[in-house]
C-alpha atoms as a PDB file:
ATOM      1  CA  MET A   1       8.866  23.729 -11.458  1.00  0.00           C
ATOM      2  CA  ASN A   2       7.860  26.375 -12.877  1.00  0.00           C
ATOM      3  CA  TRP A   3       4.213  27.010 -12.461  1.00  0.00           C
ATOM      4  CA  HIS A   4       3.815  30.859 -13.519  1.00  0.00           C
ATOM      5  CA  ILE A   5       4.526  32.654 -16.996  1.00  0.00           C
ATOM      6  CA  PRO A   6       7.601  34.996 -16.709  1.00  0.00           C
ATOM      7  CA  ARG A   7       7.176  38.481 -16.533  1.00  0.00           C
ATOM      8  CA  HIS A   8       8.214  39.729 -20.290  1.00  0.00           C
ATOM      9  CA  LYS A   9       6.086  36.614 -21.766  1.00  0.00           C
ATOM     10  CA  GLU A  10       3.440  38.147 -19.870  1.00  0.00           C
ATOM     11  CA  LYS A  11       3.980  41.364 -21.364  1.00  0.00           C
ATOM     12  CA  ILE A  12       4.161  39.892 -24.865  1.00  0.00           C
ATOM     13  CA  ASP A  13       0.769  38.613 -24.659  1.00  0.00           C
ATOM     14  CA  ARG A  14      -0.639  41.588 -23.448  1.00  0.00           C
ATOM     15  CA  GLU A  15       0.759  43.618 -25.942  1.00  0.00           C
ATOM     16  CA  ALA A  16      -0.991  41.445 -28.257  1.00  0.00           C
ATOM     17  CA  GLY A  17      -4.227  41.217 -26.705  1.00  0.00           C
ATOM     18  CA  LEU A  18      -4.060  38.253 -25.150  1.00  0.00           C
ATOM     19  CA  ASN A  19      -4.860  37.091 -21.488  1.00  0.00           C
ATOM     20  CA  ILE A  20      -4.113  33.188 -21.360  1.00  0.00           C
ATOM     21  CA  THR A  21      -6.275  32.630 -17.963  1.00  0.00           C
ATOM     22  CA  TRP A  22      -5.421  28.688 -18.676  1.00  0.00           C
ATOM     23  CA  ASN A  23      -2.508  26.273 -18.168  1.00  0.00           C
ATOM     24  CA  ALA A  24      -1.006  23.271 -18.263  1.00  0.00           C
ATOM     25  CA  ILE A  25      -3.256  21.638 -15.973  1.00  0.00           C
ATOM     26  CA  ASP A  26      -6.277  22.787 -17.172  1.00  0.00           C
ATOM     27  CA  GLY A  27      -4.413  21.352 -21.295  1.00  0.00           C
ATOM     28  CA  ILE A  28      -3.559  17.861 -19.255  1.00  0.00           C
ATOM     29  CA  ILE A  29      -7.278  17.384 -17.513  1.00  0.00           C
ATOM     30  CA  ALA A  30      -8.676  18.473 -21.176  1.00  0.00           C
ATOM     31  CA  SER A  31      -6.520  16.528 -23.664  1.00  0.00           C
ATOM     32  CA  VAL A  32      -7.037  13.280 -21.035  1.00  0.00           C
ATOM     33  CA  PHE A  33     -10.561  13.608 -21.619  1.00  0.00           C
ATOM     34  CA  LEU A  34     -10.905  14.099 -24.961  1.00  0.00           C
ATOM     35  CA  ALA A  35      -8.730  10.915 -25.594  1.00  0.00           C
ATOM     36  CA  LEU A  36     -10.829   8.873 -23.451  1.00  0.00           C
ATOM     37  CA  MET A  37     -14.313  10.556 -25.172  1.00  0.00           C
ATOM     38  CA  LEU A  38     -12.914  10.057 -28.237  1.00  0.00           C
ATOM     39  CA  THR A  39     -12.154   6.312 -27.506  1.00  0.00           C
ATOM     40  CA  GLY A  40     -15.786   5.388 -26.358  1.00  0.00           C
ATOM     41  CA  VAL A  41     -16.643   7.228 -29.778  1.00  0.00           C
ATOM     42  CA  TYR A  42     -14.720   5.405 -31.898  1.00  0.00           C
ATOM     43  CA  PHE A  43     -15.043   1.550 -30.529  1.00  0.00           C
ATOM     44  CA  GLY A  44     -19.109   2.641 -30.136  1.00  0.00           C
ATOM     45  CA  SER A  45     -19.229   3.504 -33.895  1.00  0.00           C
ATOM     46  CA  ALA A  46     -16.927   0.646 -34.746  1.00  0.00           C
ATOM     47  CA  ARG A  47     -19.672  -1.907 -33.812  1.00  0.00           C
ATOM     48  CA  ILE A  48     -22.502  -0.072 -35.010  1.00  0.00           C
ATOM     49  CA  PHE A  49     -20.761   0.086 -38.627  1.00  0.00           C
ATOM     50  CA  ILE A  50     -20.299  -3.619 -38.445  1.00  0.00           C
ATOM     51  CA  ILE A  51     -23.872  -4.554 -37.302  1.00  0.00           C
ATOM     52  CA  LEU A  52     -24.854  -2.546 -39.988  1.00  0.00           C
ATOM     53  CA  SER A  53     -22.849  -4.068 -42.862  1.00  0.00           C
ATOM     54  CA  GLU A  54     -23.563  -7.301 -41.476  1.00  0.00           C
ATOM     55  CA  ARG A  55     -27.185  -6.448 -42.311  1.00  0.00           C
ATOM     56  CA  GLU A  56     -26.764  -4.727 -45.570  1.00  0.00           C
ATOM     57  CA  LEU A  57     -27.835  -1.309 -44.238  1.00  0.00           C
ATOM     58  CA  LEU A  58     -24.756   0.245 -44.932  1.00  0.00           C
ATOM     59  CA  ASN A  59     -25.024   2.391 -48.308  1.00  0.00           C
ATOM     60  CA  GLU A  60     -23.026   5.257 -49.613  1.00  0.00           C
ATOM     61  CA  ASN A  61     -26.266   7.636 -47.781  1.00  0.00           C
ATOM     62  CA  ILE A  62     -26.365   5.953 -44.855  1.00  0.00           C
ATOM     63  CA  SER A  63     -21.817   6.151 -45.018  1.00  0.00           C
ATOM     64  CA  ASN A  64     -22.522  10.051 -45.305  1.00  0.00           C
ATOM     65  CA  ILE A  65     -24.221  10.625 -42.564  1.00  0.00           C
ATOM     66  CA  SER A  66     -22.416   8.080 -40.448  1.00  0.00           C
ATOM     67  CA  PHE A  67     -18.978  10.608 -41.154  1.00  0.00           C
ATOM     68  CA  ILE A  68     -20.862  14.022 -41.115  1.00  0.00           C
ATOM     69  CA  VAL A  69     -22.389  12.493 -37.289  1.00  0.00           C
ATOM     70  CA  LEU A  70     -19.181  11.425 -36.031  1.00  0.00           C
ATOM     71  CA  TYR A  71     -17.315  13.832 -36.856  1.00  0.00           C
ATOM     72  CA  GLY A  72     -20.161  16.558 -35.892  1.00  0.00           C
ATOM     73  CA  ILE A  73     -19.724  14.513 -32.524  1.00  0.00           C
ATOM     74  CA  GLN A  74     -15.981  14.952 -32.448  1.00  0.00           C
ATOM     75  CA  ALA A  75     -15.967  18.437 -33.421  1.00  0.00           C
ATOM     76  CA  LEU A  76     -18.314  19.199 -30.660  1.00  0.00           C
ATOM     77  CA  LEU A  77     -15.837  17.629 -27.925  1.00  0.00           C
ATOM     78  CA  MET A  78     -12.299  19.582 -29.172  1.00  0.00           C
ATOM     79  CA  MET A  79     -15.338  22.999 -28.894  1.00  0.00           C
ATOM     80  CA  GLY A  80     -16.935  21.604 -26.026  1.00  0.00           C
ATOM     81  CA  THR A  81     -13.784  20.695 -24.405  1.00  0.00           C
ATOM     82  CA  VAL A  82     -12.000  24.485 -25.243  1.00  0.00           C
ATOM     83  CA  TRP A  83     -15.046  26.322 -24.043  1.00  0.00           C
ATOM     84  CA  PHE A  84     -15.291  24.673 -20.732  1.00  0.00           C
ATOM     85  CA  PHE A  85     -11.692  24.877 -19.507  1.00  0.00           C
ATOM     86  CA  ALA A  86     -11.205  28.330 -21.238  1.00  0.00           C
ATOM     87  CA  LEU A  87     -14.053  30.321 -21.675  1.00  0.00           C
ATOM     88  CA  HIS A  88     -16.609  29.060 -19.119  1.00  0.00           C
ATOM     89  CA  ARG A  89     -14.062  27.598 -15.550  1.00  0.00           C
ATOM     90  CA  ARG A  90     -11.292  30.423 -17.032  1.00  0.00           C
ATOM     91  CA  LYS A  91     -13.396  33.267 -18.477  1.00  0.00           C
ATOM     92  CA  ALA A  92     -11.618  34.485 -20.995  1.00  0.00           C
ATOM     93  CA  ARG A  93     -12.160  35.704 -24.329  1.00  0.00           C
ATOM     94  CA  LEU A  94     -12.220  33.852 -28.120  1.00  0.00           C
ATOM     95  CA  ARG A  95      -9.809  36.766 -28.867  1.00  0.00           C
ATOM     96  CA  ASP A  96      -7.496  35.197 -26.026  1.00  0.00           C
ATOM     97  CA  LEU A  97      -7.555  32.034 -28.297  1.00  0.00           C
ATOM     98  CA  GLY A  98      -6.078  33.657 -31.290  1.00  0.00           C
ATOM     99  CA  LEU A  99      -9.414  34.617 -32.752  1.00  0.00           C
ATOM    100  CA  LYS A 100      -8.612  37.845 -34.608  1.00  0.00           C
ATOM    101  CA  TYR A 101      -7.646  39.520 -37.725  1.00  0.00           C
ATOM    102  CA  TYR A 102      -4.117  39.056 -38.965  1.00  0.00           C
ATOM    103  CA  SER A 103      -2.361  40.889 -42.441  1.00  0.00           C
ATOM    104  CA  ILE A 104      -3.778  39.401 -45.089  1.00  0.00           C
ATOM    105  CA  GLY A 105      -0.634  39.754 -47.301  1.00  0.00           C
ATOM    106  CA  LYS A 106       1.459  38.550 -44.799  1.00  0.00           C
ATOM    107  CA  THR A 107      -1.038  35.620 -44.239  1.00  0.00           C
ATOM    108  CA  LEU A 108      -0.319  34.679 -48.002  1.00  0.00           C
ATOM    109  CA  TRP A 109       3.446  35.315 -47.635  1.00  0.00           C
ATOM    110  CA  TYR A 110       3.609  32.705 -43.953  1.00  0.00           C
ATOM    111  CA  THR A 111       1.575  30.702 -46.120  1.00  0.00           C
ATOM    112  CA  LEU A 112       3.363  30.206 -49.521  1.00  0.00           C
ATOM    113  CA  ILE A 113       7.067  29.918 -47.850  1.00  0.00           C
ATOM    114  CA  SER A 114       5.413  26.757 -45.007  1.00  0.00           C
ATOM    115  CA  LEU A 115       3.683  25.026 -48.569  1.00  0.00           C
ATOM    116  CA  ILE A 116       7.186  24.706 -49.603  1.00  0.00           C
ATOM    117  CA  ALA A 117       8.774  24.518 -46.784  1.00  0.00           C
ATOM    118  CA  ILE A 118       6.191  21.205 -45.622  1.00  0.00           C
ATOM    119  CA  PHE A 119       5.915  20.285 -49.204  1.00  0.00           C
ATOM    120  CA  ALA A 120      10.165  20.053 -49.797  1.00  0.00           C
ATOM    121  CA  ILE A 121      10.251  17.807 -45.681  1.00  0.00           C
ATOM    122  CA  SER A 122       7.830  15.157 -47.007  1.00  0.00           C
ATOM    123  CA  PHE A 123       8.997  14.759 -50.114  1.00  0.00           C
ATOM    124  CA  ILE A 124      12.640  13.893 -48.237  1.00  0.00           C
ATOM    125  CA  TYR A 125      10.843  11.862 -45.735  1.00  0.00           C
ATOM    126  CA  ILE A 126       9.363   9.669 -48.278  1.00  0.00           C
ATOM    127  CA  ILE A 127      12.680   9.409 -50.075  1.00  0.00           C
ATOM    128  CA  VAL A 128      14.058   8.168 -46.833  1.00  0.00           C
ATOM    129  CA  MET A 129      11.353   6.254 -45.647  1.00  0.00           C
ATOM    130  CA  SER A 130      11.077   4.067 -49.369  1.00  0.00           C
ATOM    131  CA  MET A 131      14.634   3.424 -50.456  1.00  0.00           C
ATOM    132  CA  VAL A 132      17.240   3.856 -47.028  1.00  0.00           C
ATOM    133  CA  LEU A 133      14.663   2.099 -44.446  1.00  0.00           C
ATOM    134  CA  GLY A 134      12.543   0.449 -47.397  1.00  0.00           C
ATOM    135  CA  ILE A 135       9.161   1.033 -45.960  1.00  0.00           C
ATOM    136  CA  GLU A 136       6.205   2.208 -48.486  1.00  0.00           C
ATOM    137  CA  ALA A 137       3.747   4.503 -47.741  1.00  0.00           C
ATOM    138  CA  PRO A 138       0.363   3.460 -46.739  1.00  0.00           C
ATOM    139  CA  ALA A 139      -2.833   4.516 -47.429  1.00  0.00           C
ATOM    140  CA  SER A 140      -4.091   7.501 -45.341  1.00  0.00           C
ATOM    141  CA  LYS A 141      -7.135   7.202 -43.525  1.00  0.00           C
ATOM    142  CA  ILE A 142      -8.532  10.107 -46.433  1.00  0.00           C
ATOM    143  CA  GLU A 143      -7.337   8.415 -49.323  1.00  0.00           C
ATOM    144  CA  THR A 144      -8.889   4.965 -48.309  1.00  0.00           C
ATOM    145  CA  LEU A 145     -12.371   6.673 -47.709  1.00  0.00           C
ATOM    146  CA  ILE A 146     -12.259   8.780 -51.354  1.00  0.00           C
ATOM    147  CA  LEU A 147     -11.069   5.079 -53.081  1.00  0.00           C
ATOM    148  CA  ASN A 148     -13.560   3.301 -51.611  1.00  0.00           C
ATOM    149  CA  ARG A 149     -16.193   6.292 -53.003  1.00  0.00           C
ATOM    150  CA  SER A 150     -17.947   5.610 -48.898  1.00  0.00           C
ATOM    151  CA  VAL A 151     -18.119   9.415 -48.358  1.00  0.00           C
ATOM    152  CA  SER A 152     -18.944  11.687 -50.724  1.00  0.00           C
ATOM    153  CA  ASN A 153     -15.990  14.120 -52.220  1.00  0.00           C
ATOM    154  CA  THR A 154     -18.148  17.317 -51.417  1.00  0.00           C
ATOM    155  CA  VAL A 155     -18.893  16.350 -47.800  1.00  0.00           C
ATOM    156  CA  LEU A 156     -15.046  15.466 -47.789  1.00  0.00           C
ATOM    157  CA  LEU A 157     -13.729  19.173 -49.199  1.00  0.00           C
ATOM    158  CA  ILE A 158     -15.884  20.900 -46.296  1.00  0.00           C
ATOM    159  CA  VAL A 159     -15.056  18.790 -43.460  1.00  0.00           C
ATOM    160  CA  VAL A 160     -11.231  18.447 -44.713  1.00  0.00           C
ATOM    161  CA  SER A 161     -10.137  21.726 -45.856  1.00  0.00           C
ATOM    162  CA  PHE A 162     -12.807  24.124 -43.592  1.00  0.00           C
ATOM    163  CA  ILE A 163     -14.090  22.850 -40.604  1.00  0.00           C
ATOM    164  CA  GLY A 164     -10.999  20.505 -39.965  1.00  0.00           C
ATOM    165  CA  PRO A 165      -8.622  23.453 -39.732  1.00  0.00           C
ATOM    166  CA  ILE A 166     -10.962  25.449 -37.717  1.00  0.00           C
ATOM    167  CA  ILE A 167     -11.572  23.377 -35.034  1.00  0.00           C
ATOM    168  CA  GLU A 168      -7.747  21.367 -34.853  1.00  0.00           C
ATOM    169  CA  GLU A 169      -6.614  25.155 -34.358  1.00  0.00           C
ATOM    170  CA  ILE A 170      -8.677  26.467 -31.968  1.00  0.00           C
ATOM    171  CA  PHE A 171      -7.953  23.583 -30.017  1.00  0.00           C
ATOM    172  CA  PHE A 172      -4.345  22.513 -30.350  1.00  0.00           C
ATOM    173  CA  ARG A 173      -2.567  26.059 -31.273  1.00  0.00           C
ATOM    174  CA  GLY A 174      -4.974  28.330 -29.496  1.00  0.00           C
ATOM    175  CA  PHE A 175      -5.647  26.666 -26.522  1.00  0.00           C
ATOM    176  CA  LEU A 176      -3.150  23.581 -26.277  1.00  0.00           C
ATOM    177  CA  TYR A 177      -0.050  25.448 -27.128  1.00  0.00           C
ATOM    178  CA  SER A 178      -0.926  28.634 -25.038  1.00  0.00           C
ATOM    179  CA  ALA A 179      -1.779  26.375 -22.133  1.00  0.00           C
ATOM    180  CA  PHE A 180       1.758  24.346 -22.469  1.00  0.00           C
ATOM    181  CA  LYS A 181       3.830  27.965 -22.826  1.00  0.00           C
ATOM    182  CA  LYS A 182       1.976  29.918 -19.824  1.00  0.00           C
ATOM    183  CA  ASN A 183       3.610  27.365 -17.499  1.00  0.00           C
ATOM    184  CA  TRP A 184       6.788  25.864 -19.363  1.00  0.00           C
ATOM    185  CA  GLY A 185       7.351  28.282 -22.384  1.00  0.00           C
ATOM    186  CA  ILE A 186       7.469  28.221 -25.756  1.00  0.00           C
ATOM    187  CA  LEU A 187      10.021  25.317 -26.802  1.00  0.00           C
ATOM    188  CA  PRO A 188       8.456  23.175 -24.477  1.00  0.00           C
ATOM    189  CA  ALA A 189       4.745  24.555 -25.561  1.00  0.00           C
ATOM    190  CA  LEU A 190       5.772  23.282 -29.157  1.00  0.00           C
ATOM    191  CA  PHE A 191       6.996  19.871 -28.858  1.00  0.00           C
ATOM    192  CA  LEU A 192       3.982  18.731 -27.184  1.00  0.00           C
ATOM    193  CA  SER A 193       1.026  20.120 -28.714  1.00  0.00           C
ATOM    194  CA  SER A 194       2.713  19.169 -31.780  1.00  0.00           C
ATOM    195  CA  ILE A 195       3.088  15.571 -30.495  1.00  0.00           C
ATOM    196  CA  LEU A 196      -0.397  15.665 -29.398  1.00  0.00           C
ATOM    197  CA  PHE A 197      -1.503  16.760 -32.747  1.00  0.00           C
ATOM    198  CA  SER A 198       0.445  14.000 -34.493  1.00  0.00           C
ATOM    199  CA  LEU A 199      -0.719  11.633 -32.271  1.00  0.00           C
ATOM    200  CA  VAL A 200      -4.208  12.336 -33.240  1.00  0.00           C
ATOM    201  CA  HIS A 201      -4.458  11.786 -36.435  1.00  0.00           C
ATOM    202  CA  LEU A 202      -3.801   7.998 -35.785  1.00  0.00           C
ATOM    203  CA  GLU A 203      -1.506   7.723 -38.768  1.00  0.00           C
ATOM    204  CA  VAL A 204       1.987   5.781 -37.692  1.00  0.00           C
ATOM    205  CA  TYR A 205       3.659   6.483 -41.338  1.00  0.00           C
ATOM    206  CA  SER A 206       3.228   9.884 -41.016  1.00  0.00           C
ATOM    207  CA  PHE A 207       3.818  10.882 -36.975  1.00  0.00           C
ATOM    208  CA  VAL A 208       7.002  12.975 -38.128  1.00  0.00           C
ATOM    209  CA  PRO A 209       5.411  14.973 -41.022  1.00  0.00           C
ATOM    210  CA  LEU A 210       2.744  15.436 -39.010  1.00  0.00           C
ATOM    211  CA  PHE A 211       4.785  17.050 -36.034  1.00  0.00           C
ATOM    212  CA  ILE A 212       6.649  19.123 -38.330  1.00  0.00           C
ATOM    213  CA  ILE A 213       3.388  20.321 -39.972  1.00  0.00           C
ATOM    214  CA  GLY A 214       2.236  21.143 -36.187  1.00  0.00           C
ATOM    215  CA  TRP A 215       5.129  22.259 -35.088  1.00  0.00           C
ATOM    216  CA  LEU A 216       5.355  25.281 -37.930  1.00  0.00           C
ATOM    217  CA  LEU A 217       1.352  25.943 -37.059  1.00  0.00           C
ATOM    218  CA  ALA A 218       2.642  26.634 -33.452  1.00  0.00           C
ATOM    219  CA  TYR A 219       5.275  28.611 -34.333  1.00  0.00           C
ATOM    220  CA  ILE A 220       3.886  30.800 -37.073  1.00  0.00           C
ATOM    221  CA  PHE A 221       0.791  31.212 -33.950  1.00  0.00           C
ATOM    222  CA  GLU A 222       3.273  32.116 -31.585  1.00  0.00           C
ATOM    223  CA  LYS A 223       5.118  34.902 -34.111  1.00  0.00           C
ATOM    224  CA  THR A 224       1.333  35.790 -35.249  1.00  0.00           C
ATOM    225  CA  LYS A 225      -0.348  36.262 -31.667  1.00  0.00           C
ATOM    226  CA  SER A 226      -3.574  34.863 -34.298  1.00  0.00           C
ATOM    227  CA  LEU A 227      -5.090  31.089 -35.269  1.00  0.00           C
ATOM    228  CA  PHE A 228      -5.657  33.370 -38.732  1.00  0.00           C
ATOM    229  CA  PRO A 229      -2.591  32.485 -40.614  1.00  0.00           C
ATOM    230  CA  ALA A 230      -2.820  28.924 -38.423  1.00  0.00           C
ATOM    231  CA  ILE A 231      -5.882  28.428 -39.971  1.00  0.00           C
ATOM    232  CA  PHE A 232      -5.203  29.554 -43.468  1.00  0.00           C
ATOM    233  CA  LEU A 233      -2.191  27.678 -43.889  1.00  0.00           C
ATOM    234  CA  HIS A 234      -3.868  24.047 -42.972  1.00  0.00           C
ATOM    235  CA  ALA A 235      -6.642  24.765 -44.810  1.00  0.00           C
ATOM    236  CA  ILE A 236      -5.032  25.625 -48.192  1.00  0.00           C
ATOM    237  CA  TYR A 237      -2.463  22.619 -47.401  1.00  0.00           C
ATOM    238  CA  ASN A 238      -5.642  19.564 -46.654  1.00  0.00           C
ATOM    239  CA  LEU A 239      -7.088  21.472 -49.799  1.00  0.00           C
ATOM    240  CA  ILE A 240      -3.817  20.577 -52.526  1.00  0.00           C
ATOM    241  CA  LEU A 241      -3.782  17.218 -50.163  1.00  0.00           C
ATOM    242  CA  ILE A 242      -7.506  16.477 -51.082  1.00  0.00           C
ATOM    243  CA  LEU A 243      -7.198  17.588 -54.830  1.00  0.00           C
ATOM    244  CA  ILE A 244      -4.172  15.600 -55.188  1.00  0.00           C
ATOM    245  CA  LEU A 245      -6.198  12.600 -54.303  1.00  0.00           C
ATOM    246  CA  LEU A 246      -9.051  13.307 -56.036  1.00  0.00           C
ATOM    247  CA  GLY A 247      -7.244  14.116 -59.044  1.00  0.00           C
ATOM    248  CA  GLN A 248      -5.251  10.200 -58.917  1.00  0.00           C
ATOM    249  CA  LEU A 249      -8.969   8.896 -59.030  1.00  0.00           C
ATOM    250  CA  GLU A 250      -9.669  10.447 -61.536  1.00  0.00           C
ATOM    251  CA  MET A 251      -7.183   9.244 -63.296  1.00  0.00           C
ATOM    252  CA  ILE A 252      -7.173   5.998 -62.387  1.00  0.00           C
ATOM    253  CA  ASN A 253     -10.915   5.907 -64.027  1.00  0.00           C
ATOM    254  CA  VAL A 254      -9.733   7.309 -67.150  1.00  0.00           C
ATOM    255  CA  TYR A 255      -6.906   4.479 -67.552  1.00  0.00           C
END
């Protein structure tokens, strides 16, 4: 197996100001560690929520606080993993993760084209699943939170449309994609990072659309050598989805 990045790829990354000092092994170890930690947090918090519910202590304020704390733990684990394996252990810079400026005009253009593609593919996917396979779309985790009013809309908007895209792009594209690309090349890196991105969302029905979105975000990062366009696209896409869900809820309340 070839564990060395080809010279022409090294040259391209150096010209783009990227110095990928971490590798695929770092990415694999980091992914396994993160999966184990998040699984422990998930099952531990689930047990706590059961106890609170049984004692009727789980009100709206506690739900908001619990959501913020749990997502904060997830974000800290993801960023801590990137810090340890890339910045601390391999002495990389934030710029090497793709955290650098990119043309606003080109970012807007990539976002527009990508959103059209994503929604078109998602529409076709839903039609195929419902009309051909007879499988209807279940409620997503975010949709369930909105319908149950267990977390305030403001908190959801901030987390889903702002914090989430930044954290996920740094980890999946800036860190994981770059690690896999260094050792295995662009196509395997696109595939593997997109698979992991789709798996971590724990949405079986949406696995294929999420995989395609992950692939597109990684492709944009590869093309621009900057996380800025990917973060912006991710944020706008999430914002549109949550606004649609909130709008549907308001219509339900009216009628």
